């Protein structure tokens, strides 16, 4: 067995055992300092593994936090049956709120309410923050200093995105129910604990997002100052340069 084959086996084993994405630094840390492969070698090994998985039920993908091995999406109808209890669906109101945060971040709760035309439930914000899909990244410098919300690395990981540039257009996600179908591979117990099940009231109060009014991701609010409290890798502005080597 060559050193390259051994390295490929170690990387594959680590990704399977971790149960979460691993970035190149984390993969390097598995080896003694003198024996650690460089990032170019690791990327080559990851590319080889990706080729090995062609035509199989699993794949290697790069998301916001690093690389992971996962089931291919087309096998969701079968794999999801491993969980006896179907995961709860997220309400349309929650998905609309998440979409607005993702596309117009950083954004305040009041600005979300202005777009949706209805008040945003405290439970929705609580659910999104508990899932670690969104976080407070600063405060708008206006009376009351409302919190500014933006998405996290966990959001990118969960929705299989490497960066915010990979967000689909609103026209592509017009059917919000399709998002719920794509979430069925997630641990249903975790969703039941943290998810928000749709209620008739939420369904009535929610309004469809207009795909013709596509906002820019990471849209800035010109003319308005903010008081930043960036502390997690200077938030998602750094994500697009993740592992650029």
Protein backbone atom coordinates (compact mmCIF):
# COMPACT_ATOMS: atom_id res chain seq x y z
CA UNK A 1 0.00 0.00 0.00
CA UNK A 2 1.39 3.40 -1.00
CA UNK A 3 1.48 6.42 1.29
CA UNK A 4 -1.17 8.09 -0.90
CA UNK A 5 -3.54 5.15 -0.58
CA UNK A 6 -3.01 5.13 3.18
CA UNK A 7 -3.72 8.86 3.36
CA UNK A 8 -6.93 8.39 1.39
CA UNK A 9 -8.08 5.69 3.79
CA UNK A 10 -7.34 7.87 6.83
CA UNK A 11 -9.24 10.84 5.39
CA UNK A 12 -12.20 8.65 4.45
CA UNK A 13 -12.29 7.05 7.90
CA UNK A 14 -12.10 10.45 9.60
CA UNK A 15 -14.98 11.88 7.58
CA UNK A 16 -17.14 8.84 8.30
CA UNK A 17 -16.34 8.83 12.01
CA UNK A 18 -16.70 12.57 12.58
CA UNK A 19 -20.40 12.78 11.76
CA UNK A 20 -19.86 16.44 10.86
CA UNK A 21 -17.90 18.44 8.27
CA UNK A 22 -14.12 18.60 8.71
CA UNK A 23 -12.04 21.37 7.17
CA UNK A 24 -8.48 21.00 5.91
CA UNK A 25 -6.95 22.27 9.15
CA UNK A 26 -8.88 19.69 11.13
CA UNK A 27 -7.78 16.92 8.79
CA UNK A 28 -4.16 18.04 9.10
CA UNK A 29 -4.44 17.97 12.90
CA UNK A 30 -5.02 14.20 12.78
CA UNK A 31 -1.36 13.65 11.91
CA UNK A 32 1.86 14.29 13.83
CA UNK A 33 3.17 17.72 12.88
CA UNK A 34 6.16 16.32 11.00
CA UNK A 35 3.97 13.91 9.01
CA UNK A 36 0.97 16.12 8.29
CA UNK A 37 0.06 16.33 4.58
CA UNK A 38 -0.22 19.78 3.06
CA UNK A 39 -3.57 21.15 1.96
CA UNK A 40 -2.86 20.48 -1.70
CA UNK A 41 -2.35 16.78 -0.92
CA UNK A 42 -5.55 16.68 1.09
CA UNK A 43 -7.55 18.29 -1.71
CA UNK A 44 -6.14 15.77 -4.17
CA UNK A 45 -7.14 12.90 -1.88
CA UNK A 46 -10.62 14.35 -1.43
CA UNK A 47 -10.97 14.65 -5.21
CA UNK A 48 -9.93 11.00 -5.59
CA UNK A 49 -12.49 9.91 -3.01
CA UNK A 50 -15.13 11.93 -4.83
CA UNK A 51 -14.26 10.08 -8.05
CA UNK A 52 -14.39 6.75 -6.20
CA UNK A 53 -17.96 7.53 -5.08
CA UNK A 54 -19.27 8.22 -8.58
CA UNK A 55 -22.27 6.00 -9.27
CA UNK A 56 -22.66 5.13 -5.59
CA UNK A 57 -25.22 6.13 -2.98
CA UNK A 58 -22.88 8.43 -1.08
CA UNK A 59 -20.81 11.44 -2.04
CA UNK A 60 -18.24 13.87 -0.66
CA UNK A 61 -19.35 17.47 -0.66
CA UNK A 62 -17.84 20.73 0.56
CA UNK A 63 -20.05 22.92 2.73
CA UNK A 64 -19.45 26.01 4.84
CA UNK A 65 -17.60 24.19 7.63
CA UNK A 66 -15.56 21.81 5.49
CA UNK A 67 -15.96 18.44 3.78
CA UNK A 68 -18.34 15.62 4.65
CA UNK A 69 -19.56 12.27 3.37
CA UNK A 70 -23.31 12.19 2.89
CA UNK A 71 -26.14 10.25 1.26
CA UNK A 72 -27.04 11.49 -2.21
CA UNK A 73 -30.27 13.48 -2.19
CA UNK A 74 -32.01 11.20 -4.71
CA UNK A 75 -31.99 8.37 -2.17
CA UNK A 76 -33.92 10.35 0.44
CA UNK A 77 -37.25 8.54 -0.22
CA UNK A 78 -35.66 5.25 0.87
CA UNK A 79 -33.18 6.33 3.52
CA UNK A 80 -35.74 8.51 5.32
CA UNK A 81 -37.73 5.34 6.09
CA UNK A 82 -35.00 4.38 8.56
CA UNK A 83 -36.71 6.75 10.98
CA UNK A 84 -40.06 5.39 12.09
CA UNK A 85 -41.44 8.80 12.99
CA UNK A 86 -41.73 11.33 10.19
CA UNK A 87 -40.02 14.63 10.96
CA UNK A 88 -42.32 17.59 11.56
CA UNK A 89 -42.61 20.14 8.80
CA UNK A 90 -41.47 23.70 9.31
CA UNK A 91 -44.16 26.33 9.01
CA UNK A 92 -44.35 28.51 5.94
CA UNK A 93 -43.91 31.53 8.20
CA UNK A 94 -40.62 30.14 9.54
CA UNK A 95 -39.30 29.32 6.06
CA UNK A 96 -40.23 32.77 4.76
CA UNK A 97 -38.47 34.39 7.70
CA UNK A 98 -35.36 32.26 7.14
CA UNK A 99 -35.38 33.09 3.43
CA UNK A 100 -35.53 36.82 4.13
CA UNK A 101 -32.65 36.60 6.59
CA UNK A 102 -30.60 34.56 4.12
CA UNK A 103 -31.13 36.89 1.17
CA UNK A 104 -31.25 40.28 2.88
CA UNK A 105 -28.85 39.81 5.77
CA UNK A 106 -28.09 41.54 7.99
CA UNK A 107 -31.74 42.34 8.66
CA UNK A 108 -33.81 43.34 11.68
CA UNK A 109 -37.00 41.72 12.87
CA UNK A 110 -38.90 44.89 12.00
CA UNK A 111 -37.58 44.83 8.44
CA UNK A 112 -38.71 41.22 8.09
CA UNK A 113 -42.16 42.22 9.31
CA UNK A 114 -42.28 45.09 6.81
CA UNK A 115 -41.65 42.68 3.92
CA UNK A 116 -43.97 39.91 5.14
CA UNK A 117 -46.72 42.29 6.19
CA UNK A 118 -47.30 40.46 9.49
CA UNK A 119 -45.55 40.28 12.83
CA UNK A 120 -42.79 37.72 13.28
CA UNK A 121 -43.48 35.25 16.07
CA UNK A 122 -40.93 35.18 18.88
CA UNK A 123 -41.03 31.39 18.60
CA UNK A 124 -39.83 31.59 15.00
CA UNK A 125 -36.77 33.64 15.94
CA UNK A 126 -36.17 31.33 18.91
CA UNK A 127 -36.37 28.23 16.71
CA UNK A 128 -33.96 29.64 14.12
CA UNK A 129 -31.43 30.68 16.76
CA UNK A 130 -31.72 27.39 18.67
CA UNK A 131 -31.08 25.50 15.46
CA UNK A 132 -28.06 27.79 15.05
CA UNK A 133 -29.19 28.74 11.56
CA UNK A 134 -29.22 32.45 12.41
CA UNK A 135 -27.48 34.64 14.97
CA UNK A 136 -27.30 38.26 16.06
CA UNK A 137 -24.36 39.95 14.32
CA UNK A 138 -24.88 43.54 15.42
CA UNK A 139 -27.48 46.23 16.04
CA UNK A 140 -28.97 48.82 13.69
CA UNK A 141 -27.91 52.31 14.76
CA UNK A 142 -31.44 53.66 15.05
CA UNK A 143 -33.64 54.34 18.09
CA UNK A 144 -34.03 51.11 20.05
CA UNK A 145 -30.95 49.60 18.36
CA UNK A 146 -32.79 46.51 17.02
CA UNK A 147 -30.78 43.33 16.60
CA UNK A 148 -29.43 42.43 13.17
CA UNK A 149 -29.84 38.80 12.14
CA UNK A 150 -27.73 36.85 9.67
CA UNK A 151 -27.12 33.21 8.80
CA UNK A 152 -24.35 30.98 10.17
CA UNK A 153 -21.99 28.24 9.02
CA UNK A 154 -24.48 25.74 10.43
CA UNK A 155 -27.08 27.15 8.02
CA UNK A 156 -24.73 26.54 5.09
CA UNK A 157 -23.91 23.04 6.31
CA UNK A 158 -27.55 22.08 6.82
CA UNK A 159 -28.65 23.25 3.40
CA UNK A 160 -25.60 21.75 1.68
CA UNK A 161 -24.08 25.08 0.64
CA UNK A 162 -20.41 26.00 0.43
CA UNK A 163 -21.07 29.74 0.51
CA UNK A 164 -23.90 32.26 0.27
CA UNK A 165 -23.16 32.59 -3.44
CA UNK A 166 -24.71 29.14 -3.89
CA UNK A 167 -28.11 30.23 -2.60
CA UNK A 168 -30.80 29.49 -5.20
CA UNK A 169 -32.88 32.31 -6.60
CA UNK A 170 -36.26 32.90 -5.01
CA UNK A 171 -37.86 31.69 -8.24
CA UNK A 172 -36.14 28.34 -7.70
CA UNK A 173 -37.54 27.97 -4.17
CA UNK A 174 -41.01 29.31 -4.91
CA UNK A 175 -42.49 26.04 -3.64
CA UNK A 176 -41.53 26.23 0.03
CA UNK A 177 -43.02 22.78 0.62
CA UNK A 178 -40.13 21.37 -1.39
CA UNK A 179 -37.76 22.54 1.34
CA UNK A 180 -39.61 20.42 3.86
CA UNK A 181 -39.27 17.41 1.58
CA UNK A 182 -35.53 17.97 1.36
CA UNK A 183 -35.23 18.10 5.15
CA UNK A 184 -36.50 14.56 5.67
CA UNK A 185 -32.99 13.10 5.88
CA UNK A 186 -32.34 15.05 9.08
CA UNK A 187 -32.65 13.36 12.47
CA UNK A 188 -36.40 13.62 13.17
CA UNK A 189 -35.89 13.63 16.93
CA UNK A 190 -33.78 16.77 16.68
CA UNK A 191 -36.34 18.38 14.38
CA UNK A 192 -39.16 17.56 16.77
CA UNK A 193 -37.28 19.19 19.62
CA UNK A 194 -36.29 22.31 17.72
CA UNK A 195 -38.57 22.52 14.71
CA UNK A 196 -41.74 24.52 14.48
CA UNK A 197 -44.77 22.60 13.24
CA UNK A 198 -47.07 24.52 10.95
CA UNK A 199 -50.32 25.72 12.44
CA UNK A 200 -53.44 26.94 10.69
CA UNK A 201 -52.85 30.42 12.07
CA UNK A 202 -49.33 30.57 10.65
CA UNK A 203 -50.52 29.27 7.30
CA UNK A 204 -53.16 31.98 7.16
CA UNK A 205 -50.82 34.78 8.19
CA UNK A 206 -48.00 33.89 5.80
CA UNK A 207 -47.66 35.46 2.39
CA UNK A 208 -45.76 34.05 -0.61
CA UNK A 209 -42.37 35.46 -1.45
CA UNK A 210 -42.38 37.22 -4.80
CA UNK A 211 -39.77 35.54 -7.01
CA UNK A 212 -39.62 38.68 -9.16
CA UNK A 213 -38.28 40.67 -6.22
CA UNK A 214 -35.02 38.77 -5.78
CA UNK A 215 -32.91 40.53 -3.14
CA UNK A 216 -29.15 40.37 -3.23
CA UNK A 217 -27.46 38.08 -0.73
CA UNK A 218 -25.63 40.04 1.97
CA UNK A 219 -27.47 43.19 0.87
CA UNK A 220 -26.14 46.29 2.62
CA UNK A 221 -28.36 49.03 4.01
CA UNK A 222 -26.93 52.21 2.59
CA UNK A 223 -27.20 55.32 4.68
CA UNK A 224 -27.68 53.36 7.88
CA UNK A 225 -24.90 52.73 10.36
CA UNK A 226 -24.66 49.57 12.36
CA UNK A 227 -22.92 48.70 15.58
CA UNK A 228 -21.19 45.39 14.77
CA UNK A 229 -20.41 42.71 17.28
CA UNK A 230 -18.67 40.35 14.88
CA UNK A 231 -16.89 37.61 16.75
CA UNK A 232 -17.29 34.33 14.83
CA UNK A 233 -14.65 34.62 12.08
CA UNK A 234 -16.05 38.06 11.34
CA UNK A 235 -19.30 36.29 10.45
CA UNK A 236 -20.18 35.06 6.95
CA UNK A 237 -18.26 37.75 5.11
CA UNK A 238 -15.30 35.45 5.60
CA UNK A 239 -17.05 32.32 4.38
CA UNK A 240 -16.46 32.96 0.71
CA UNK A 241 -12.70 32.78 1.30
CA UNK A 242 -12.95 29.56 3.34
CA UNK A 243 -10.10 27.20 2.63
CA UNK A 244 -9.00 29.19 -0.42
CA UNK A 245 -5.61 27.51 -0.53
